[in-house]
């Protein structure tokens, strides 16, 4: 969603110059996207478990991580990459 917002904004600002829009989009998103990709390397198998046993383990872990005692820590863990980018305000 973040990338779609930025791409749409850059396309709107570029006024039909898609090459300029794509360059600005890439410059804005590159660092953010790399950080998200690095994080995904560590959690991919958690979110897409290969077996039913792993699926049950994932669901149990997710329930534990979202429980009251661990929810703050889990929220910080999953939002660290999202807070790495300040979204530009594009004209309506």
PDB file of N, CA and C in Angstrom:
ATOM      1  N   UNK A   1       0.826  -1.181   0.000  1.00  0.00           N
ATOM      2  CA  UNK A   1       0.000   0.000   0.000  1.00  0.00           C
ATOM      3  C   UNK A   1       0.878   1.256   0.000  1.00  0.00           C
ATOM      4  N   UNK A   2       1.934   1.238   0.771  1.00  0.00           N
ATOM      5  CA  UNK A   2       2.837   2.383   0.839  1.00  0.00           C
ATOM      6  C   UNK A   2       3.416   2.681  -0.540  1.00  0.00           C
ATOM      7  N   UNK A   3       3.906   1.642  -1.188  1.00  0.00           N
ATOM      8  CA  UNK A   3       4.531   1.826  -2.510  1.00  0.00           C
ATOM      9  C   UNK A   3       3.513   2.292  -3.545  1.00  0.00           C
ATOM     10  N   UNK A   4       2.303   1.755  -3.484  1.00  0.00           N
ATOM     11  CA  UNK A   4       1.266   2.177  -4.429  1.00  0.00           C
ATOM     12  C   UNK A   4       0.921   3.649  -4.228  1.00  0.00           C
ATOM     13  N   UNK A   5       0.845   4.080  -2.981  1.00  0.00           N
ATOM     14  CA  UNK A   5       0.556   5.482  -2.682  1.00  0.00           C
ATOM     15  C   UNK A   5       1.640   6.390  -3.256  1.00  0.00           C
ATOM     16  N   UNK A   6       2.896   6.037  -3.005  1.00  0.00           N
ATOM     17  CA  UNK A   6       4.002   6.867  -3.481  1.00  0.00           C
ATOM     18  C   UNK A   6       4.050   6.875  -5.008  1.00  0.00           C
ATOM     19  N   UNK A   7       3.876   5.720  -5.639  1.00  0.00           N
ATOM     20  CA  UNK A   7       3.896   5.670  -7.102  1.00  0.00           C
ATOM     21  C   UNK A   7       2.765   6.513  -7.691  1.00  0.00           C
ATOM     22  N   UNK A   8       1.571   6.383  -7.154  1.00  0.00           N
ATOM     23  CA  UNK A   8       0.448   7.183  -7.656  1.00  0.00           C
ATOM     24  C   UNK A   8       0.723   8.672  -7.471  1.00  0.00           C
ATOM     25  N   UNK A   9       1.272   9.036  -6.335  1.00  0.00           N
ATOM     26  CA  UNK A   9       1.592  10.445  -6.085  1.00  0.00           C
ATOM     27  C   UNK A   9       2.635  10.975  -7.044  1.00  0.00           C
ATOM     28  N   UNK A  10       3.674  10.199  -7.276  1.00  0.00           N
ATOM     29  CA  UNK A  10       4.730  10.636  -8.201  1.00  0.00           C
ATOM     30  C   UNK A  10       4.215  10.723  -9.636  1.00  0.00           C
ATOM     31  N   UNK A  11       3.371   9.798 -10.028  1.00  0.00           N
ATOM     32  CA  UNK A  11       2.777   9.869 -11.374  1.00  0.00           C
ATOM     33  C   UNK A  11       1.908  11.115 -11.512  1.00  0.00           C
ATOM     34  N   UNK A  12       1.161  11.446 -10.475  1.00  0.00           N
ATOM     35  CA  UNK A  12       0.299  12.631 -10.530  1.00  0.00           C
ATOM     36  C   UNK A  12       1.130  13.913 -10.612  1.00  0.00           C
ATOM     37  N   UNK A  13       2.197  13.974  -9.843  1.00  0.00           N
ATOM     38  CA  UNK A  13       3.044  15.171  -9.830  1.00  0.00           C
ATOM     39  C   UNK A  13       3.806  15.326 -11.144  1.00  0.00           C
ATOM     40  N   UNK A  14       4.177  14.214 -11.770  1.00  0.00           N
ATOM     41  CA  UNK A  14       5.000  14.251 -12.985  1.00  0.00           C
ATOM     42  C   UNK A  14       4.223  14.705 -14.215  1.00  0.00           C
ATOM     43  N   UNK A  15       2.928  14.750 -14.149  1.00  0.00           N
ATOM     44  CA  UNK A  15       2.094  15.218 -15.263  1.00  0.00           C
ATOM     45  C   UNK A  15       2.474  14.577 -16.600  1.00  0.00           C
ATOM     46  N   UNK A  16       2.270  13.281 -16.680  1.00  0.00           N
ATOM     47  CA  UNK A  16       2.476  12.488 -17.895  1.00  0.00           C
ATOM     48  C   UNK A  16       3.933  12.118 -18.189  1.00  0.00           C
ATOM     49  N   UNK A  17       4.864  12.545 -17.392  1.00  0.00           N
ATOM     50  CA  UNK A  17       6.260  12.160 -17.598  1.00  0.00           C
ATOM     51  C   UNK A  17       6.560  10.953 -16.697  1.00  0.00           C
ATOM     52  N   UNK A  18       6.175   9.769 -17.188  1.00  0.00           N
ATOM     53  CA  UNK A  18       6.298   8.566 -16.362  1.00  0.00           C
ATOM     54  C   UNK A  18       7.753   8.235 -16.027  1.00  0.00           C
ATOM     55  N   UNK A  19       8.674   8.577 -16.903  1.00  0.00           N
ATOM     56  CA  UNK A  19      10.090   8.292 -16.612  1.00  0.00           C
ATOM     57  C   UNK A  19      10.560   9.066 -15.386  1.00  0.00           C
ATOM     58  N   UNK A  20      10.212  10.334 -15.324  1.00  0.00           N
ATOM     59  CA  UNK A  20      10.580  11.155 -14.157  1.00  0.00           C
ATOM     60  C   UNK A  20       9.881  10.625 -12.907  1.00  0.00           C
ATOM     61  N   UNK A  21       8.610  10.242 -13.057  1.00  0.00           N
ATOM     62  CA  UNK A  21       7.864   9.711 -11.909  1.00  0.00           C
ATOM     63  C   UNK A  21       8.504   8.428 -11.392  1.00  0.00           C
ATOM     64  N   UNK A  22       8.885   7.532 -12.299  1.00  0.00           N
ATOM     65  CA  UNK A  22       9.508   6.270 -11.879  1.00  0.00           C
ATOM     66  C   UNK A  22      10.846   6.518 -11.190  1.00  0.00           C
ATOM     67  N   UNK A  23      11.614   7.477 -11.665  1.00  0.00           N
ATOM     68  CA  UNK A  23      12.904   7.784 -11.033  1.00  0.00           C
ATOM     69  C   UNK A  23      12.704   8.332  -9.625  1.00  0.00           C
ATOM     70  N   UNK A  24      11.767   9.247  -9.465  1.00  0.00           N
ATOM     71  CA  UNK A  24      11.510   9.813  -8.134  1.00  0.00           C
ATOM     72  C   UNK A  24      10.940   8.752  -7.200  1.00  0.00           C
ATOM     73  N   UNK A  25      10.058   7.911  -7.734  1.00  0.00           N
ATOM     74  CA  UNK A  25       9.481   6.821  -6.944  1.00  0.00           C
ATOM     75  C   UNK A  25      10.585   5.896  -6.432  1.00  0.00           C
ATOM     76  N   UNK A  26      11.465   5.485  -7.323  1.00  0.00           N
ATOM     77  CA  UNK A  26      12.540   4.580  -6.920  1.00  0.00           C
ATOM     78  C   UNK A  26      13.444   5.227  -5.880  1.00  0.00           C
ATOM     79  N   UNK A  27      13.769   6.487  -6.060  1.00  0.00           N
ATOM     80  CA  UNK A  27      14.622   7.185  -5.098  1.00  0.00           C
ATOM     81  C   UNK A  27      13.963   7.255  -3.719  1.00  0.00           C
ATOM     82  N   UNK A  28      12.655   7.473  -3.687  1.00  0.00           N
ATOM     83  CA  UNK A  28      11.945   7.562  -2.398  1.00  0.00           C
ATOM     84  C   UNK A  28      11.794   6.201  -1.725  1.00  0.00           C
ATOM     85  N   UNK A  29      11.563   5.165  -2.508  1.00  0.00           N
ATOM     86  CA  UNK A  29      11.178   3.861  -1.965  1.00  0.00           C
ATOM     87  C   UNK A  29      12.359   2.907  -1.754  1.00  0.00           C
ATOM     88  N   UNK A  30      13.446   3.095  -2.438  1.00  0.00           N
ATOM     89  CA  UNK A  30      14.547   2.116  -2.432  1.00  0.00           C
ATOM     90  C   UNK A  30      14.949   1.664  -1.022  1.00  0.00           C
ATOM     91  N   UNK A  31      15.305   2.589  -0.158  1.00  0.00           N
ATOM     92  CA  UNK A  31      15.775   2.226   1.191  1.00  0.00           C
ATOM     93  C   UNK A  31      14.683   1.495   1.979  1.00  0.00           C
ATOM     94  N   UNK A  32      13.480   2.003   1.914  1.00  0.00           N
ATOM     95  CA  UNK A  32      12.341   1.392   2.599  1.00  0.00           C
ATOM     96  C   UNK A  32      12.108  -0.029   2.096  1.00  0.00           C
ATOM     97  N   UNK A  33      12.112  -0.198   0.777  1.00  0.00           N
ATOM     98  CA  UNK A  33      11.867  -1.520   0.192  1.00  0.00           C
ATOM     99  C   UNK A  33      12.966  -2.505   0.575  1.00  0.00           C
ATOM    100  N   UNK A  34      14.208  -2.063   0.561  1.00  0.00           N
ATOM    101  CA  UNK A  34      15.308  -2.954   0.956  1.00  0.00           C
ATOM    102  C   UNK A  34      15.156  -3.416   2.392  1.00  0.00           C
ATOM    103  N   UNK A  35      14.789  -2.508   3.257  1.00  0.00           N
ATOM    104  CA  UNK A  35      14.614  -2.880   4.662  1.00  0.00           C
ATOM    105  C   UNK A  35      13.460  -3.872   4.821  1.00  0.00           C
ATOM    106  N   UNK A  36      12.382  -3.661   4.126  1.00  0.00           N
ATOM    107  CA  UNK A  36      11.251  -4.588   4.179  1.00  0.00           C
ATOM    108  C   UNK A  36      11.651  -5.957   3.638  1.00  0.00           C
ATOM    109  N   UNK A  37      12.401  -5.978   2.552  1.00  0.00           N
ATOM    110  CA  UNK A  37      12.841  -7.240   1.964  1.00  0.00           C
ATOM    111  C   UNK A  37      13.766  -8.005   2.906  1.00  0.00           C
ATOM    112  N   UNK A  38      14.654  -7.291   3.585  1.00  0.00           N
ATOM    113  CA  UNK A  38      15.550  -7.944   4.535  1.00  0.00           C
ATOM    114  C   UNK A  38      14.743  -8.565   5.684  1.00  0.00           C
ATOM    115  N   UNK A  39      13.753  -7.852   6.163  1.00  0.00           N
ATOM    116  CA  UNK A  39      12.900  -8.384   7.225  1.00  0.00           C
ATOM    117  C   UNK A  39      12.115  -9.593   6.778  1.00  0.00           C
ATOM    118  N   UNK A  40      11.667  -9.584   5.537  1.00  0.00           N
ATOM    119  CA  UNK A  40      10.881 -10.699   5.013  1.00  0.00           C
ATOM    120  C   UNK A  40      11.702 -11.980   4.921  1.00  0.00           C
ATOM    121  N   UNK A  41      12.994 -11.856   4.724  1.00  0.00           N
ATOM    122  CA  UNK A  41      13.850 -13.046   4.650  1.00  0.00           C
ATOM    123  C   UNK A  41      13.786 -13.851   5.936  1.00  0.00           C
ATOM    124  N   UNK A  42      13.550 -13.177   7.036  1.00  0.00           N
ATOM    125  CA  UNK A  42      13.558 -13.837   8.337  1.00  0.00           C
ATOM    126  C   UNK A  42      12.190 -14.358   8.761  1.00  0.00           C
ATOM    127  N   UNK A  43      11.132 -13.897   8.141  1.00  0.00           N
ATOM    128  CA  UNK A  43       9.796 -14.282   8.594  1.00  0.00           C
ATOM    129  C   UNK A  43       8.963 -14.996   7.538  1.00  0.00           C
ATOM    130  N   UNK A  44       9.511 -15.177   6.354  1.00  0.00           N
ATOM    131  CA  UNK A  44       8.741 -15.798   5.278  1.00  0.00           C
ATOM    132  C   UNK A  44       8.182 -17.157   5.633  1.00  0.00           C
ATOM    133  N   UNK A  45       9.002 -18.024   6.200  1.00  0.00           N
ATOM    134  CA  UNK A  45       8.524 -19.369   6.543  1.00  0.00           C
ATOM    135  C   UNK A  45       7.541 -19.337   7.707  1.00  0.00           C
ATOM    136  N   UNK A  46       7.612 -18.294   8.541  1.00  0.00           N
ATOM    137  CA  UNK A  46       6.642 -18.154   9.638  1.00  0.00           C
ATOM    138  C   UNK A  46       5.259 -17.849   9.072  1.00  0.00           C
ATOM    139  N   UNK A  47       5.194 -16.930   8.113  1.00  0.00           N
ATOM    140  CA  UNK A  47       3.905 -16.540   7.551  1.00  0.00           C
ATOM    141  C   UNK A  47       3.363 -17.533   6.525  1.00  0.00           C
ATOM    142  N   UNK A  48       4.224 -18.316   5.924  1.00  0.00           N
ATOM    143  CA  UNK A  48       3.793 -19.328   4.948  1.00  0.00           C
ATOM    144  C   UNK A  48       4.407 -20.676   5.321  1.00  0.00           C
ATOM    145  N   UNK A  49       3.895 -21.306   6.376  1.00  0.00           N
ATOM    146  CA  UNK A  49       4.484 -22.560   6.841  1.00  0.00           C
ATOM    147  C   UNK A  49       4.299 -23.690   5.837  1.00  0.00           C
ATOM    148  N   UNK A  50       5.309 -24.572   5.724  1.00  0.00           N
ATOM    149  CA  UNK A  50       5.271 -25.623   4.714  1.00  0.00           C
ATOM    150  C   UNK A  50       4.441 -26.851   5.081  1.00  0.00           C
ATOM    151  N   UNK A  51       4.146 -27.060   6.358  1.00  0.00           N
ATOM    152  CA  UNK A  51       3.395 -28.259   6.767  1.00  0.00           C
ATOM    153  C   UNK A  51       2.293 -27.873   7.745  1.00  0.00           C
ATOM    154  N   UNK A  52       1.389 -28.826   7.980  1.00  0.00           N
ATOM    155  CA  UNK A  52       0.307 -28.587   8.947  1.00  0.00           C
ATOM    156  C   UNK A  52       0.853 -28.395  10.361  1.00  0.00           C
ATOM    157  N   UNK A  53       1.898 -29.131  10.693  1.00  0.00           N
ATOM    158  CA  UNK A  53       2.511 -29.000  12.013  1.00  0.00           C
ATOM    159  C   UNK A  53       3.084 -27.591  12.182  1.00  0.00           C
ATOM    160  N   UNK A  54       3.780 -27.127  11.154  1.00  0.00           N
ATOM    161  CA  UNK A  54       4.327 -25.773  11.197  1.00  0.00           C
ATOM    162  C   UNK A  54       3.205 -24.717  11.244  1.00  0.00           C
ATOM    163  N   UNK A  55       2.123 -24.989  10.554  1.00  0.00           N
ATOM    164  CA  UNK A  55       0.977 -24.080  10.569  1.00  0.00           C
ATOM    165  C   UNK A  55       0.393 -23.979  11.982  1.00  0.00           C
ATOM    166  N   UNK A  56       0.239 -25.112  12.637  1.00  0.00           N
ATOM    167  CA  UNK A  56      -0.278 -25.116  14.013  1.00  0.00           C
ATOM    168  C   UNK A  56       0.685 -24.385  14.945  1.00  0.00           C
ATOM    169  N   UNK A  57       1.970 -24.605  14.758  1.00  0.00           N
ATOM    170  CA  UNK A  57       2.972 -23.921  15.574  1.00  0.00           C
ATOM    171  C   UNK A  57       2.922 -22.412  15.333  1.00  0.00           C
ATOM    172  N   UNK A  58       2.809 -22.012  14.066  1.00  0.00           N
ATOM    173  CA  UNK A  58       2.702 -20.592  13.749  1.00  0.00           C
ATOM    174  C   UNK A  58       1.491 -19.958  14.421  1.00  0.00           C
ATOM    175  N   UNK A  59       0.348 -20.631  14.336  1.00  0.00           N
ATOM    176  CA  UNK A  59      -0.866 -20.082  14.927  1.00  0.00           C
ATOM    177  C   UNK A  59      -0.749 -19.954  16.440  1.00  0.00           C
ATOM    178  N   UNK A  60      -0.124 -20.929  17.070  1.00  0.00           N
ATOM    179  CA  UNK A  60       0.104 -20.866  18.515  1.00  0.00           C
ATOM    180  C   UNK A  60       1.039 -19.714  18.863  1.00  0.00           C
ATOM    181  N   UNK A  61       2.116 -19.581  18.099  1.00  0.00           N
ATOM    182  CA  UNK A  61       3.058 -18.495  18.335  1.00  0.00           C
ATOM    183  C   UNK A  61       2.399 -17.132  18.117  1.00  0.00           C
ATOM    184  N   UNK A  62       1.580 -17.027  17.093  1.00  0.00           N
ATOM    185  CA  UNK A  62       0.913 -15.761  16.813  1.00  0.00           C
ATOM    186  C   UNK A  62      -0.037 -15.391  17.953  1.00  0.00           C
ATOM    187  N   UNK A  63      -0.767 -16.383  18.476  1.00  0.00           N
ATOM    188  CA  UNK A  63      -1.651 -16.112  19.618  1.00  0.00           C
ATOM    189  C   UNK A  63      -0.838 -15.627  20.816  1.00  0.00           C
ATOM    190  N   UNK A  64       0.306 -16.247  21.045  1.00  0.00           N
ATOM    191  CA  UNK A  64       1.153 -15.837  22.169  1.00  0.00           C
ATOM    192  C   UNK A  64       1.701 -14.427  21.946  1.00  0.00           C
ATOM    193  N   UNK A  65       2.179 -14.145  20.738  1.00  0.00           N
ATOM    194  CA  UNK A  65       2.778 -12.841  20.448  1.00  0.00           C
ATOM    195  C   UNK A  65       1.765 -11.701  20.512  1.00  0.00           C
ATOM    196  N   UNK A  66       0.509 -12.007  20.251  1.00  0.00           N
ATOM    197  CA  UNK A  66      -0.518 -10.967  20.280  1.00  0.00           C
ATOM    198  C   UNK A  66      -1.254 -10.916  21.617  1.00  0.00           C
ATOM    199  N   UNK A  67      -0.809 -11.722  22.570  1.00  0.00           N
ATOM    200  CA  UNK A  67      -1.411 -11.691  23.904  1.00  0.00           C
ATOM    201  C   UNK A  67      -0.990 -10.414  24.622  1.00  0.00           C
ATOM    202  N   UNK A  68      -1.686 -10.071  25.650  1.00  0.00           N
ATOM    203  CA  UNK A  68      -1.427  -8.820  26.364  1.00  0.00           C
ATOM    204  C   UNK A  68       0.024  -8.681  26.832  1.00  0.00           C
ATOM    205  N   UNK A  69       0.642  -9.703  27.420  1.00  0.00           N
ATOM    206  CA  UNK A  69       2.022  -9.506  27.896  1.00  0.00           C
ATOM    207  C   UNK A  69       3.047  -9.235  26.787  1.00  0.00           C
ATOM    208  N   UNK A  70       2.824  -9.767  25.601  1.00  0.00           N
ATOM    209  CA  UNK A  70       3.821  -9.635  24.531  1.00  0.00           C
ATOM    210  C   UNK A  70       3.419  -8.683  23.408  1.00  0.00           C
ATOM    211  N   UNK A  71       2.219  -8.169  23.454  1.00  0.00           N
ATOM    212  CA  UNK A  71       1.710  -7.398  22.310  1.00  0.00           C
ATOM    213  C   UNK A  71       2.515  -6.132  22.021  1.00  0.00           C
ATOM    214  N   UNK A  72       2.974  -5.434  23.040  1.00  0.00           N
ATOM    215  CA  UNK A  72       3.770  -4.217  22.797  1.00  0.00           C
ATOM    216  C   UNK A  72       5.079  -4.550  22.096  1.00  0.00           C
ATOM    217  N   UNK A  73       5.753  -5.573  22.561  1.00  0.00           N
ATOM    218  CA  UNK A  73       7.010  -5.991  21.943  1.00  0.00           C
ATOM    219  C   UNK A  73       6.775  -6.415  20.494  1.00  0.00           C
ATOM    220  N   UNK A  74       5.718  -7.189  20.262  1.00  0.00           N
ATOM    221  CA  UNK A  74       5.396  -7.662  18.914  1.00  0.00           C
ATOM    222  C   UNK A  74       5.078  -6.486  18.000  1.00  0.00           C
ATOM    223  N   UNK A  75       4.342  -5.513  18.490  1.00  0.00           N
ATOM    224  CA  UNK A  75       4.005  -4.335  17.684  1.00  0.00           C
ATOM    225  C   UNK A  75       5.264  -3.578  17.268  1.00  0.00           C
ATOM    226  N   UNK A  76       6.191  -3.398  18.199  1.00  0.00           N
ATOM    227  CA  UNK A  76       7.452  -2.724  17.861  1.00  0.00           C
ATOM    228  C   UNK A  76       8.221  -3.514  16.804  1.00  0.00           C
ATOM    229  N   UNK A  77       8.209  -4.823  16.931  1.00  0.00           N
ATOM    230  CA  UNK A  77       8.942  -5.668  16.004  1.00  0.00           C
ATOM    231  C   UNK A  77       8.385  -5.546  14.579  1.00  0.00           C
ATOM    232  N   UNK A  78       7.080  -5.569  14.447  1.00  0.00           N
ATOM    233  CA  UNK A  78       6.485  -5.579  13.107  1.00  0.00           C
ATOM    234  C   UNK A  78       6.345  -4.196  12.491  1.00  0.00           C
ATOM    235  N   UNK A  79       6.444  -3.141  13.272  1.00  0.00           N
ATOM    236  CA  UNK A  79       6.282  -1.802  12.713  1.00  0.00           C
ATOM    237  C   UNK A  79       7.593  -1.060  12.524  1.00  0.00           C
ATOM    238  N   UNK A  80       8.710  -1.666  12.869  1.00  0.00           N
ATOM    239  CA  UNK A  80       9.976  -0.944  12.759  1.00  0.00           C
ATOM    240  C   UNK A  80      10.270  -0.518  11.327  1.00  0.00           C
ATOM    241  N   UNK A  81      10.022  -1.379  10.355  1.00  0.00           N
ATOM    242  CA  UNK A  81      10.271  -1.012   8.957  1.00  0.00           C
ATOM    243  C   UNK A  81       9.277   0.044   8.480  1.00  0.00           C
ATOM    244  N   UNK A  82       8.048  -0.034   8.926  1.00  0.00           N
ATOM    245  CA  UNK A  82       7.026   0.907   8.475  1.00  0.00           C
ATOM    246  C   UNK A  82       7.315   2.333   8.932  1.00  0.00           C
ATOM    247  N   UNK A  83       7.984   2.480  10.047  1.00  0.00           N
ATOM    248  CA  UNK A  83       8.259   3.819  10.544  1.00  0.00           C
ATOM    249  C   UNK A  83       9.528   4.412   9.929  1.00  0.00           C
ATOM    250  N   UNK A  84      10.129   3.691   9.007  1.00  0.00           N
ATOM    251  CA  UNK A  84      11.374   4.130   8.384  1.00  0.00           C
ATOM    252  C   UNK A  84      11.151   5.077   7.207  1.00  0.00           C
ATOM    253  N   UNK A  85       9.910   5.321   6.843  1.00  0.00           N
ATOM    254  CA  UNK A  85       9.601   6.157   5.686  1.00  0.00           C
ATOM    255  C   UNK A  85       8.558   7.186   6.068  1.00  0.00           C
ATOM    256  N   UNK A  86       8.844   8.431   5.771  1.00  0.00           N
ATOM    257  CA  UNK A  86       7.850   9.493   5.967  1.00  0.00           C
ATOM    258  C   UNK A  86       7.136   9.672   4.634  1.00  0.00           C
ATOM    259  N   UNK A  87       5.845   9.459   4.640  1.00  0.00           N
ATOM    260  CA  UNK A  87       5.078   9.567   3.402  1.00  0.00           C
ATOM    261  C   UNK A  87       4.940  11.026   2.981  1.00  0.00           C
ATOM    262  N   UNK A  88       5.239  11.314   1.723  1.00  0.00           N
ATOM    263  CA  UNK A  88       5.060  12.679   1.237  1.00  0.00           C
ATOM    264  C   UNK A  88       3.572  13.004   1.085  1.00  0.00           C
ATOM    265  N   UNK A  89       3.257  14.251   1.201  1.00  0.00           N
ATOM    266  CA  UNK A  89       1.878  14.701   0.971  1.00  0.00           C
ATOM    267  C   UNK A  89       1.782  15.149  -0.490  1.00  0.00           C
ATOM    268  N   UNK A  90       0.942  14.481  -1.223  1.00  0.00           N
ATOM    269  CA  UNK A  90       0.744  14.809  -2.628  1.00  0.00           C
ATOM    270  C   UNK A  90      -0.509  15.650  -2.797  1.00  0.00           C
ATOM    271  N   UNK A  91      -0.528  16.530  -3.794  1.00  0.00           N
ATOM    272  CA  UNK A  91      -1.750  17.319  -4.037  1.00  0.00           C
ATOM    273  C   UNK A  91      -2.896  16.416  -4.460  1.00  0.00           C
ATOM    274  N   UNK A  92      -4.083  16.804  -4.067  1.00  0.00           N
ATOM    275  CA  UNK A  92      -5.276  16.006  -4.389  1.00  0.00           C
ATOM    276  C   UNK A  92      -5.683  16.111  -5.823  1.00  0.00           C
TER     277      UNK A  92
END
